[in-house]
N, C-alpha and C. Protein backbone atom coordinates (compact mmCIF):
# COMPACT_ATOMS: atom_id res chain seq x y z
N MET A 1 5.45 17.42 -7.11
CA MET A 1 4.83 16.72 -8.23
C MET A 1 5.82 15.67 -8.75
N ASP A 2 5.31 14.49 -9.04
CA ASP A 2 6.15 13.43 -9.57
C ASP A 2 6.71 13.81 -10.94
N ASN A 3 7.96 13.42 -11.20
CA ASN A 3 8.56 13.68 -12.51
C ASN A 3 8.02 12.74 -13.57
N ASP A 4 7.66 11.51 -13.15
CA ASP A 4 7.09 10.54 -14.08
C ASP A 4 5.58 10.78 -14.21
N PHE A 5 4.99 10.20 -15.24
CA PHE A 5 3.54 10.23 -15.38
C PHE A 5 3.01 9.13 -14.47
N THR A 6 2.70 9.50 -13.24
CA THR A 6 2.32 8.56 -12.20
C THR A 6 0.81 8.48 -12.05
N ILE A 7 0.31 7.25 -12.10
CA ILE A 7 -1.09 6.97 -11.80
C ILE A 7 -1.09 6.30 -10.44
N PHE A 8 -1.79 6.90 -9.48
CA PHE A 8 -1.73 6.42 -8.10
C PHE A 8 -3.09 5.92 -7.62
N HIS A 9 -3.04 4.80 -6.91
CA HIS A 9 -4.21 4.30 -6.18
C HIS A 9 -3.77 3.96 -4.78
N GLY A 10 -4.52 4.44 -3.81
CA GLY A 10 -4.24 4.12 -2.42
C GLY A 10 -5.44 3.43 -1.79
N GLY A 11 -5.20 2.30 -1.18
CA GLY A 11 -6.28 1.57 -0.52
C GLY A 11 -6.39 0.16 -1.05
N LEU A 12 -7.45 -0.50 -0.65
CA LEU A 12 -7.69 -1.88 -1.08
C LEU A 12 -8.03 -1.92 -2.57
N LEU A 13 -7.27 -2.69 -3.31
CA LEU A 13 -7.56 -2.91 -4.73
C LEU A 13 -7.85 -4.39 -4.90
N GLY A 14 -9.10 -4.75 -4.63
CA GLY A 14 -9.53 -6.14 -4.66
C GLY A 14 -9.97 -6.59 -6.03
N TYR A 15 -10.29 -7.86 -6.12
CA TYR A 15 -10.73 -8.44 -7.40
C TYR A 15 -11.97 -7.74 -7.93
N ASP A 16 -12.77 -7.16 -7.04
CA ASP A 16 -14.00 -6.49 -7.48
C ASP A 16 -13.74 -5.05 -7.95
N ARG A 17 -12.47 -4.69 -8.02
CA ARG A 17 -12.07 -3.39 -8.56
C ARG A 17 -10.94 -3.55 -9.56
N PHE A 18 -10.75 -4.74 -10.05
CA PHE A 18 -9.64 -5.06 -10.96
C PHE A 18 -9.75 -4.19 -12.21
N PRO A 19 -8.82 -3.22 -12.39
CA PRO A 19 -8.90 -2.33 -13.55
C PRO A 19 -8.14 -2.88 -14.77
N GLU A 20 -8.46 -4.11 -15.13
CA GLU A 20 -7.73 -4.77 -16.21
C GLU A 20 -7.74 -3.95 -17.49
N ASN A 21 -8.88 -3.38 -17.84
CA ASN A 21 -8.96 -2.62 -19.09
C ASN A 21 -8.19 -1.30 -19.01
N LEU A 22 -8.02 -0.75 -17.82
CA LEU A 22 -7.15 0.42 -17.66
C LEU A 22 -5.72 0.01 -18.00
N PHE A 23 -5.27 -1.10 -17.43
CA PHE A 23 -3.93 -1.58 -17.72
C PHE A 23 -3.79 -1.90 -19.20
N GLN A 24 -4.83 -2.48 -19.79
CA GLN A 24 -4.80 -2.79 -21.22
C GLN A 24 -4.69 -1.51 -22.04
N ALA A 25 -5.39 -0.47 -21.65
CA ALA A 25 -5.32 0.82 -22.35
C ALA A 25 -3.90 1.38 -22.30
N ILE A 26 -3.26 1.29 -21.15
CA ILE A 26 -1.88 1.78 -21.01
C ILE A 26 -0.94 0.96 -21.88
N ILE A 27 -1.12 -0.35 -21.86
CA ILE A 27 -0.28 -1.24 -22.69
C ILE A 27 -0.44 -0.88 -24.17
N GLU A 28 -1.68 -0.69 -24.60
CA GLU A 28 -1.91 -0.34 -26.01
C GLU A 28 -1.28 1.00 -26.36
N LEU A 29 -1.37 1.98 -25.48
CA LEU A 29 -0.77 3.29 -25.74
C LEU A 29 0.76 3.19 -25.83
N ILE A 30 1.34 2.34 -25.01
CA ILE A 30 2.79 2.11 -25.08
C ILE A 30 3.14 1.40 -26.38
N ASP A 31 2.37 0.36 -26.72
CA ASP A 31 2.61 -0.39 -27.96
C ASP A 31 2.46 0.49 -29.20
N GLU A 32 1.57 1.47 -29.13
CA GLU A 32 1.35 2.40 -30.25
C GLU A 32 2.32 3.58 -30.23
N ASP A 33 3.29 3.53 -29.32
CA ASP A 33 4.29 4.60 -29.14
C ASP A 33 3.67 5.96 -28.84
N LEU A 34 2.55 5.95 -28.16
CA LEU A 34 1.90 7.19 -27.76
C LEU A 34 2.25 7.56 -26.32
N LEU A 35 2.67 6.58 -25.52
CA LEU A 35 3.20 6.80 -24.18
C LEU A 35 4.62 6.28 -24.15
N ASP A 36 5.51 7.02 -23.53
CA ASP A 36 6.88 6.58 -23.34
C ASP A 36 6.91 5.69 -22.10
N LYS A 37 7.18 4.42 -22.31
CA LYS A 37 7.16 3.43 -21.21
C LYS A 37 8.07 3.86 -20.07
N LYS A 38 9.15 4.55 -20.37
CA LYS A 38 10.10 4.97 -19.34
C LYS A 38 9.53 6.07 -18.43
N LYS A 39 8.48 6.73 -18.87
CA LYS A 39 7.92 7.84 -18.09
C LYS A 39 6.66 7.46 -17.33
N VAL A 40 6.16 6.25 -17.54
CA VAL A 40 4.90 5.82 -16.93
C VAL A 40 5.16 5.02 -15.66
N ARG A 41 4.50 5.41 -14.55
CA ARG A 41 4.58 4.69 -13.30
C ARG A 41 3.16 4.44 -12.80
N ILE A 42 2.91 3.27 -12.34
CA ILE A 42 1.64 2.93 -11.68
C ILE A 42 2.01 2.60 -10.24
N VAL A 43 1.53 3.42 -9.32
CA VAL A 43 1.87 3.25 -7.91
C VAL A 43 0.61 2.79 -7.18
N LEU A 44 0.71 1.61 -6.59
CA LEU A 44 -0.41 1.01 -5.87
C LEU A 44 -0.03 0.85 -4.41
N ALA A 45 -0.69 1.63 -3.57
CA ALA A 45 -0.46 1.56 -2.12
C ALA A 45 -1.62 0.81 -1.49
N GLY A 46 -1.32 -0.02 -0.52
CA GLY A 46 -2.36 -0.79 0.15
C GLY A 46 -2.36 -2.22 -0.34
N GLN A 47 -3.38 -2.94 0.09
CA GLN A 47 -3.50 -4.34 -0.29
C GLN A 47 -3.99 -4.45 -1.73
N VAL A 48 -3.29 -5.25 -2.53
CA VAL A 48 -3.63 -5.46 -3.93
C VAL A 48 -3.89 -6.95 -4.13
N ASP A 49 -5.03 -7.27 -4.71
CA ASP A 49 -5.41 -8.67 -4.93
C ASP A 49 -4.35 -9.39 -5.76
N TYR A 50 -4.11 -10.65 -5.42
CA TYR A 50 -3.07 -11.43 -6.11
C TYR A 50 -3.32 -11.54 -7.61
N SER A 51 -4.59 -11.57 -8.05
CA SER A 51 -4.86 -11.67 -9.48
C SER A 51 -4.40 -10.42 -10.23
N ILE A 52 -4.48 -9.28 -9.58
CA ILE A 52 -4.00 -8.03 -10.18
C ILE A 52 -2.48 -8.04 -10.24
N VAL A 53 -1.85 -8.46 -9.15
CA VAL A 53 -0.39 -8.53 -9.11
C VAL A 53 0.12 -9.49 -10.18
N GLU A 54 -0.51 -10.65 -10.29
CA GLU A 54 -0.09 -11.64 -11.29
C GLU A 54 -0.27 -11.11 -12.70
N PHE A 55 -1.38 -10.43 -12.96
CA PHE A 55 -1.62 -9.83 -14.28
C PHE A 55 -0.50 -8.85 -14.61
N LEU A 56 -0.19 -7.98 -13.67
CA LEU A 56 0.84 -6.95 -13.92
C LEU A 56 2.22 -7.57 -14.09
N LYS A 57 2.54 -8.59 -13.30
CA LYS A 57 3.84 -9.26 -13.43
C LYS A 57 4.01 -9.90 -14.80
N ALA A 58 2.91 -10.38 -15.37
CA ALA A 58 2.96 -11.06 -16.67
C ALA A 58 2.87 -10.09 -17.85
N SER A 59 2.68 -8.81 -17.57
CA SER A 59 2.50 -7.83 -18.64
C SER A 59 3.77 -7.01 -18.87
N ILE A 60 3.74 -6.20 -19.91
CA ILE A 60 4.87 -5.31 -20.16
C ILE A 60 4.96 -4.19 -19.13
N LEU A 61 3.95 -4.08 -18.26
CA LEU A 61 3.95 -3.05 -17.23
C LEU A 61 4.70 -3.48 -15.97
N ASN A 62 5.20 -4.70 -15.96
CA ASN A 62 5.84 -5.26 -14.77
C ASN A 62 6.84 -4.29 -14.13
N ASN A 63 7.69 -3.68 -14.94
CA ASN A 63 8.72 -2.78 -14.41
C ASN A 63 8.22 -1.36 -14.19
N ASN A 64 6.96 -1.12 -14.50
CA ASN A 64 6.38 0.22 -14.34
C ASN A 64 5.48 0.31 -13.12
N VAL A 65 5.39 -0.75 -12.37
CA VAL A 65 4.46 -0.81 -11.24
C VAL A 65 5.24 -0.82 -9.93
N ASP A 66 4.82 0.04 -9.01
CA ASP A 66 5.36 0.05 -7.66
C ASP A 66 4.26 -0.39 -6.71
N LEU A 67 4.44 -1.56 -6.11
CA LEU A 67 3.53 -2.05 -5.08
C LEU A 67 4.15 -1.66 -3.75
N ILE A 68 3.66 -0.58 -3.14
CA ILE A 68 4.37 -0.01 -1.99
C ILE A 68 3.74 -0.38 -0.64
N GLY A 69 2.73 -1.24 -0.67
CA GLY A 69 2.15 -1.74 0.58
C GLY A 69 1.34 -0.69 1.32
N THR A 70 1.07 -1.00 2.57
CA THR A 70 0.24 -0.14 3.41
C THR A 70 1.03 1.07 3.85
N LEU A 71 0.41 2.23 3.73
CA LEU A 71 1.03 3.49 4.13
C LEU A 71 0.19 4.18 5.19
N LYS A 72 0.80 5.07 5.92
CA LYS A 72 0.06 5.92 6.83
C LYS A 72 -0.74 6.92 5.99
N ARG A 73 -1.84 7.38 6.56
CA ARG A 73 -2.74 8.28 5.83
C ARG A 73 -2.01 9.50 5.28
N LYS A 74 -1.13 10.08 6.06
CA LYS A 74 -0.39 11.27 5.61
C LYS A 74 0.45 10.96 4.37
N GLN A 75 1.03 9.76 4.32
CA GLN A 75 1.82 9.36 3.15
C GLN A 75 0.92 9.18 1.92
N VAL A 76 -0.26 8.61 2.13
CA VAL A 76 -1.21 8.44 1.02
C VAL A 76 -1.60 9.81 0.47
N LEU A 77 -1.90 10.73 1.38
CA LEU A 77 -2.28 12.08 0.94
C LEU A 77 -1.16 12.74 0.14
N GLN A 78 0.08 12.52 0.55
CA GLN A 78 1.22 13.09 -0.19
C GLN A 78 1.31 12.48 -1.59
N HIS A 79 1.07 11.19 -1.71
CA HIS A 79 1.07 10.54 -3.02
C HIS A 79 -0.06 11.11 -3.90
N LEU A 80 -1.23 11.33 -3.30
CA LEU A 80 -2.34 11.92 -4.06
C LEU A 80 -1.94 13.28 -4.62
N LEU A 81 -1.30 14.08 -3.80
CA LEU A 81 -0.89 15.43 -4.22
C LEU A 81 0.21 15.40 -5.27
N ASN A 82 1.08 14.39 -5.23
CA ASN A 82 2.22 14.33 -6.13
C ASN A 82 1.96 13.61 -7.44
N SER A 83 0.89 12.83 -7.50
CA SER A 83 0.65 12.01 -8.69
C SER A 83 0.15 12.86 -9.86
N GLN A 84 0.33 12.33 -11.03
CA GLN A 84 -0.16 12.99 -12.24
C GLN A 84 -1.62 12.64 -12.49
N MET A 85 -2.06 11.49 -11.96
CA MET A 85 -3.45 11.05 -12.11
C MET A 85 -3.79 10.14 -10.94
N ILE A 86 -5.04 10.24 -10.49
CA ILE A 86 -5.51 9.40 -9.39
C ILE A 86 -6.50 8.38 -9.95
N LEU A 87 -6.28 7.12 -9.63
CA LEU A 87 -7.21 6.06 -10.01
C LEU A 87 -8.21 5.88 -8.87
N LEU A 88 -9.49 5.96 -9.21
CA LEU A 88 -10.57 5.78 -8.24
C LEU A 88 -11.53 4.72 -8.76
N PRO A 89 -11.25 3.44 -8.47
CA PRO A 89 -12.15 2.38 -8.93
C PRO A 89 -13.29 2.15 -7.94
N ILE A 90 -14.47 1.96 -8.46
CA ILE A 90 -15.65 1.67 -7.65
C ILE A 90 -15.91 0.17 -7.74
N ASN A 91 -16.33 -0.41 -6.64
CA ASN A 91 -16.59 -1.85 -6.62
C ASN A 91 -17.53 -2.27 -7.74
N LYS A 92 -17.27 -3.44 -8.29
CA LYS A 92 -18.19 -4.05 -9.24
C LYS A 92 -19.22 -4.81 -8.41
N ALA A 93 -20.28 -4.10 -8.05
CA ALA A 93 -21.31 -4.68 -7.18
C ALA A 93 -22.66 -4.09 -7.55
N ALA A 94 -23.70 -4.80 -7.19
CA ALA A 94 -25.06 -4.39 -7.53
C ALA A 94 -25.42 -3.03 -6.94
N ASN A 95 -24.88 -2.72 -5.76
CA ASN A 95 -25.23 -1.46 -5.11
C ASN A 95 -24.17 -0.37 -5.31
N ALA A 96 -23.30 -0.53 -6.29
CA ALA A 96 -22.20 0.41 -6.50
C ALA A 96 -22.69 1.80 -6.90
N LYS A 97 -23.83 1.87 -7.53
CA LYS A 97 -24.31 3.18 -8.00
C LYS A 97 -24.55 4.15 -6.87
N GLY A 98 -24.92 3.67 -5.71
CA GLY A 98 -25.21 4.54 -4.58
C GLY A 98 -24.05 4.71 -3.61
N ARG A 99 -22.94 4.05 -3.86
CA ARG A 99 -21.80 4.13 -2.96
C ARG A 99 -20.94 5.35 -3.27
N ILE A 100 -20.56 6.03 -2.21
CA ILE A 100 -19.61 7.14 -2.33
C ILE A 100 -18.48 6.86 -1.34
N PRO A 101 -17.34 6.41 -1.84
CA PRO A 101 -16.25 6.09 -0.91
C PRO A 101 -15.68 7.36 -0.28
N GLY A 102 -15.27 7.26 0.98
CA GLY A 102 -14.65 8.39 1.66
C GLY A 102 -13.41 8.88 0.95
N LYS A 103 -12.75 7.98 0.24
CA LYS A 103 -11.56 8.32 -0.52
C LYS A 103 -11.84 9.40 -1.57
N LEU A 104 -13.07 9.44 -2.07
CA LEU A 104 -13.43 10.45 -3.07
C LEU A 104 -13.14 11.85 -2.56
N PHE A 105 -13.47 12.12 -1.30
CA PHE A 105 -13.29 13.46 -0.75
C PHE A 105 -11.82 13.86 -0.74
N GLU A 106 -10.95 12.90 -0.41
CA GLU A 106 -9.51 13.18 -0.43
C GLU A 106 -9.02 13.41 -1.85
N CYS A 107 -9.54 12.63 -2.79
CA CYS A 107 -9.16 12.80 -4.19
C CYS A 107 -9.57 14.17 -4.71
N LEU A 108 -10.77 14.61 -4.36
CA LEU A 108 -11.23 15.93 -4.78
C LEU A 108 -10.32 17.03 -4.24
N ARG A 109 -9.97 16.92 -2.96
CA ARG A 109 -9.14 17.94 -2.32
C ARG A 109 -7.72 17.96 -2.87
N ALA A 110 -7.24 16.85 -3.41
CA ALA A 110 -5.89 16.79 -3.97
C ALA A 110 -5.78 17.63 -5.25
N ARG A 111 -6.90 17.86 -5.90
CA ARG A 111 -6.93 18.67 -7.14
C ARG A 111 -5.99 18.11 -8.21
N ARG A 112 -5.98 16.79 -8.30
CA ARG A 112 -5.25 16.10 -9.36
C ARG A 112 -6.29 15.41 -10.23
N PRO A 113 -6.01 15.21 -11.51
CA PRO A 113 -6.99 14.55 -12.38
C PRO A 113 -7.36 13.16 -11.87
N ILE A 114 -8.66 12.89 -11.82
CA ILE A 114 -9.17 11.61 -11.34
C ILE A 114 -9.64 10.79 -12.53
N LEU A 115 -9.28 9.53 -12.54
CA LEU A 115 -9.82 8.56 -13.49
C LEU A 115 -10.67 7.61 -12.66
N CYS A 116 -11.98 7.76 -12.76
CA CYS A 116 -12.92 6.96 -11.99
C CYS A 116 -13.44 5.82 -12.86
N LEU A 117 -13.37 4.60 -12.34
CA LEU A 117 -13.89 3.43 -13.05
C LEU A 117 -15.07 2.86 -12.28
N GLY A 118 -16.14 2.58 -12.99
CA GLY A 118 -17.33 2.02 -12.38
C GLY A 118 -18.54 2.42 -13.18
N PRO A 119 -19.72 2.20 -12.64
CA PRO A 119 -20.93 2.58 -13.38
C PRO A 119 -20.94 4.10 -13.62
N ILE A 120 -21.11 4.51 -14.86
CA ILE A 120 -21.05 5.95 -15.15
C ILE A 120 -22.27 6.70 -14.62
N GLU A 121 -23.32 5.97 -14.26
CA GLU A 121 -24.49 6.62 -13.67
C GLU A 121 -24.44 6.60 -12.14
N ALA A 122 -23.30 6.21 -11.58
CA ALA A 122 -23.14 6.15 -10.13
C ALA A 122 -22.95 7.55 -9.54
N ASP A 123 -23.28 7.68 -8.27
CA ASP A 123 -23.13 8.96 -7.58
C ASP A 123 -21.68 9.45 -7.61
N THR A 124 -20.73 8.56 -7.40
CA THR A 124 -19.32 8.94 -7.41
C THR A 124 -18.92 9.50 -8.77
N SER A 125 -19.33 8.82 -9.83
CA SER A 125 -19.02 9.29 -11.18
C SER A 125 -19.62 10.67 -11.43
N TRP A 126 -20.85 10.84 -10.97
CA TRP A 126 -21.54 12.12 -11.14
C TRP A 126 -20.78 13.25 -10.45
N ILE A 127 -20.30 13.00 -9.23
CA ILE A 127 -19.56 14.01 -8.48
C ILE A 127 -18.24 14.35 -9.17
N VAL A 128 -17.52 13.33 -9.62
CA VAL A 128 -16.25 13.56 -10.32
C VAL A 128 -16.47 14.44 -11.55
N GLU A 129 -17.49 14.12 -12.32
CA GLU A 129 -17.77 14.88 -13.54
C GLU A 129 -18.30 16.28 -13.22
N LYS A 130 -19.22 16.37 -12.27
CA LYS A 130 -19.85 17.66 -11.94
C LYS A 130 -18.84 18.68 -11.43
N THR A 131 -17.86 18.20 -10.67
CA THR A 131 -16.86 19.11 -10.10
C THR A 131 -15.68 19.36 -11.03
N LEU A 132 -15.73 18.77 -12.23
CA LEU A 132 -14.64 18.91 -13.21
C LEU A 132 -13.31 18.40 -12.65
N SER A 133 -13.40 17.37 -11.81
CA SER A 133 -12.22 16.81 -11.16
C SER A 133 -11.58 15.68 -11.95
N GLY A 134 -12.21 15.25 -13.00
CA GLY A 134 -11.70 14.15 -13.80
C GLY A 134 -12.78 13.59 -14.68
N LYS A 135 -12.58 12.34 -15.07
CA LYS A 135 -13.53 11.66 -15.94
C LYS A 135 -13.87 10.30 -15.36
N SER A 136 -15.08 9.86 -15.68
CA SER A 136 -15.58 8.56 -15.22
C SER A 136 -15.87 7.67 -16.41
N PHE A 137 -15.52 6.41 -16.26
CA PHE A 137 -15.69 5.44 -17.34
C PHE A 137 -16.18 4.13 -16.78
N ASP A 138 -16.95 3.43 -17.57
CA ASP A 138 -17.31 2.06 -17.26
C ASP A 138 -16.02 1.23 -17.34
N TYR A 139 -15.95 0.18 -16.54
CA TYR A 139 -14.76 -0.68 -16.56
C TYR A 139 -14.42 -1.20 -17.95
N SER A 140 -15.41 -1.39 -18.81
CA SER A 140 -15.17 -1.99 -20.12
C SER A 140 -14.80 -0.97 -21.20
N ASP A 141 -14.78 0.30 -20.90
CA ASP A 141 -14.60 1.36 -21.90
C ASP A 141 -13.12 1.66 -22.17
N VAL A 142 -12.44 0.73 -22.81
CA VAL A 142 -11.01 0.88 -23.09
C VAL A 142 -10.76 2.10 -23.99
N LYS A 143 -11.57 2.27 -24.99
CA LYS A 143 -11.35 3.34 -25.98
C LYS A 143 -11.30 4.72 -25.33
N ASN A 144 -12.30 5.05 -24.53
CA ASN A 144 -12.33 6.38 -23.93
C ASN A 144 -11.34 6.53 -22.78
N VAL A 145 -11.03 5.44 -22.08
CA VAL A 145 -9.98 5.49 -21.07
C VAL A 145 -8.65 5.82 -21.75
N LYS A 146 -8.39 5.20 -22.88
CA LYS A 146 -7.17 5.49 -23.64
C LYS A 146 -7.10 6.97 -24.02
N HIS A 147 -8.20 7.50 -24.52
CA HIS A 147 -8.23 8.92 -24.92
C HIS A 147 -7.94 9.83 -23.72
N TYR A 148 -8.54 9.51 -22.58
CA TYR A 148 -8.34 10.34 -21.40
C TYR A 148 -6.89 10.27 -20.90
N ILE A 149 -6.35 9.06 -20.84
CA ILE A 149 -4.96 8.91 -20.41
C ILE A 149 -4.03 9.65 -21.36
N LEU A 150 -4.26 9.50 -22.65
CA LEU A 150 -3.40 10.17 -23.63
C LEU A 150 -3.52 11.69 -23.50
N ASP A 151 -4.72 12.20 -23.28
CA ASP A 151 -4.91 13.63 -23.10
C ASP A 151 -4.14 14.12 -21.87
N ARG A 152 -4.27 13.42 -20.75
CA ARG A 152 -3.58 13.83 -19.52
C ARG A 152 -2.07 13.68 -19.69
N TYR A 153 -1.63 12.64 -20.40
CA TYR A 153 -0.20 12.43 -20.63
C TYR A 153 0.39 13.57 -21.46
N ASN A 154 -0.32 13.97 -22.51
CA ASN A 154 0.16 15.09 -23.33
C ASN A 154 0.20 16.38 -22.53
N LYS A 155 -0.77 16.58 -21.64
CA LYS A 155 -0.74 17.76 -20.78
C LYS A 155 0.43 17.68 -19.80
N TYR A 156 0.70 16.49 -19.31
CA TYR A 156 1.87 16.28 -18.44
C TYR A 156 3.15 16.66 -19.19
N LEU A 157 3.28 16.21 -20.43
CA LEU A 157 4.48 16.53 -21.22
C LEU A 157 4.63 18.03 -21.43
N ASN A 158 3.50 18.73 -21.54
CA ASN A 158 3.51 20.17 -21.77
C ASN A 158 3.52 20.98 -20.48
N GLY A 159 3.55 20.30 -19.33
CA GLY A 159 3.56 20.99 -18.05
C GLY A 159 2.23 21.59 -17.66
N SER A 160 1.15 21.07 -18.24
CA SER A 160 -0.18 21.65 -17.96
C SER A 160 -1.18 20.61 -17.46
N ASN A 161 -0.69 19.59 -16.78
CA ASN A 161 -1.59 18.53 -16.29
C ASN A 161 -2.17 18.89 -14.92
N HIS A 162 -2.96 19.93 -14.92
CA HIS A 162 -3.65 20.31 -13.69
C HIS A 162 -5.12 20.53 -14.02
N ILE A 163 -5.93 20.55 -13.00
CA ILE A 163 -7.36 20.73 -13.20
C ILE A 163 -7.84 21.94 -12.41
N GLU A 164 -8.91 22.48 -12.84
CA GLU A 164 -9.56 23.59 -12.15
C GLU A 164 -10.93 23.09 -11.71
N ASN A 165 -10.92 22.21 -10.70
CA ASN A 165 -12.21 21.66 -10.28
C ASN A 165 -13.04 22.72 -9.57
N GLU A 166 -14.34 22.53 -9.61
CA GLU A 166 -15.29 23.51 -9.11
C GLU A 166 -16.20 22.89 -8.05
N ASN A 167 -16.67 23.72 -7.16
CA ASN A 167 -17.70 23.35 -6.19
C ASN A 167 -17.32 22.14 -5.33
N ILE A 168 -16.04 22.00 -5.01
CA ILE A 168 -15.66 20.84 -4.18
C ILE A 168 -15.86 21.10 -2.70
N GLU A 169 -15.99 22.35 -2.29
CA GLU A 169 -16.15 22.67 -0.88
C GLU A 169 -17.37 21.97 -0.27
N GLN A 170 -18.41 21.81 -1.07
CA GLN A 170 -19.62 21.16 -0.55
C GLN A 170 -19.40 19.69 -0.23
N TYR A 171 -18.28 19.12 -0.68
CA TYR A 171 -18.00 17.71 -0.45
C TYR A 171 -16.97 17.49 0.66
N ARG A 172 -16.76 18.49 1.49
CA ARG A 172 -15.89 18.30 2.65
C ARG A 172 -16.53 17.29 3.59
N ASN A 173 -15.70 16.50 4.26
CA ASN A 173 -16.21 15.48 5.19
C ASN A 173 -17.12 16.05 6.26
N ASP A 174 -16.75 17.19 6.84
CA ASP A 174 -17.56 17.73 7.93
C ASP A 174 -18.93 18.19 7.42
N LEU A 175 -18.99 18.74 6.22
CA LEU A 175 -20.29 19.15 5.67
C LEU A 175 -21.16 17.96 5.32
N GLN A 176 -20.55 16.90 4.80
CA GLN A 176 -21.30 15.69 4.48
C GLN A 176 -21.83 15.03 5.76
N THR A 177 -21.01 15.02 6.79
CA THR A 177 -21.44 14.46 8.08
C THR A 177 -22.61 15.27 8.64
N GLU A 178 -22.52 16.58 8.52
CA GLU A 178 -23.61 17.45 8.98
C GLU A 178 -24.91 17.16 8.22
N LYS A 179 -24.81 16.93 6.92
CA LYS A 179 -26.01 16.61 6.11
C LYS A 179 -26.64 15.30 6.58
N VAL A 180 -25.80 14.30 6.84
CA VAL A 180 -26.33 13.01 7.31
C VAL A 180 -26.97 13.18 8.69
N ALA A 181 -26.32 13.93 9.56
CA ALA A 181 -26.86 14.16 10.91
C ALA A 181 -28.22 14.86 10.82
N ASN A 182 -28.36 15.82 9.93
CA ASN A 182 -29.63 16.53 9.76
C ASN A 182 -30.73 15.59 9.24
N ILE A 183 -30.35 14.68 8.38
CA ILE A 183 -31.34 13.71 7.86
C ILE A 183 -31.80 12.78 8.98
N LEU A 184 -30.88 12.39 9.83
CA LEU A 184 -31.19 11.46 10.91
C LEU A 184 -31.96 12.10 12.05
N ASN A 185 -31.90 13.43 12.16
CA ASN A 185 -32.64 14.13 13.23
C ASN A 185 -34.10 14.22 12.96
């Protein structure tokens, strides 16, 4: 487990997943002295859109961000297991409500708190909430994102930042593939 309060994202973080309000929530919590800036790390593995990089470079989070580039899958899985929170942004797209990224299954299995950003009525958001694996927020919901981050941060400080997610076995890749195969037959 990471010693810092690490928020991890692995994969493509494009302009259509720009979590600007998440970063704004963290900045506000630091400015309000509710998060210790020295303990916060944002680790972004994979390709990150230049607009996100430029935003972070220009913010007070500049020294709190690790852009670690492309990793092998095993390394990404290790980061998921070690992080204090997993960022799972859903594309800002018309069909986002029905999209379930394969990454969700890995996030569920990591049993680390998930912060999902995207339409709250989306299938991914529903799964995150139903399995008690984390919380889902609309991209614009700074207030509740702040509350969730602060709650997880306080649990991290107390050594209790873990989750007891439920019913995740049904979301294993092999079972989902079997369901799709049965539908196609």
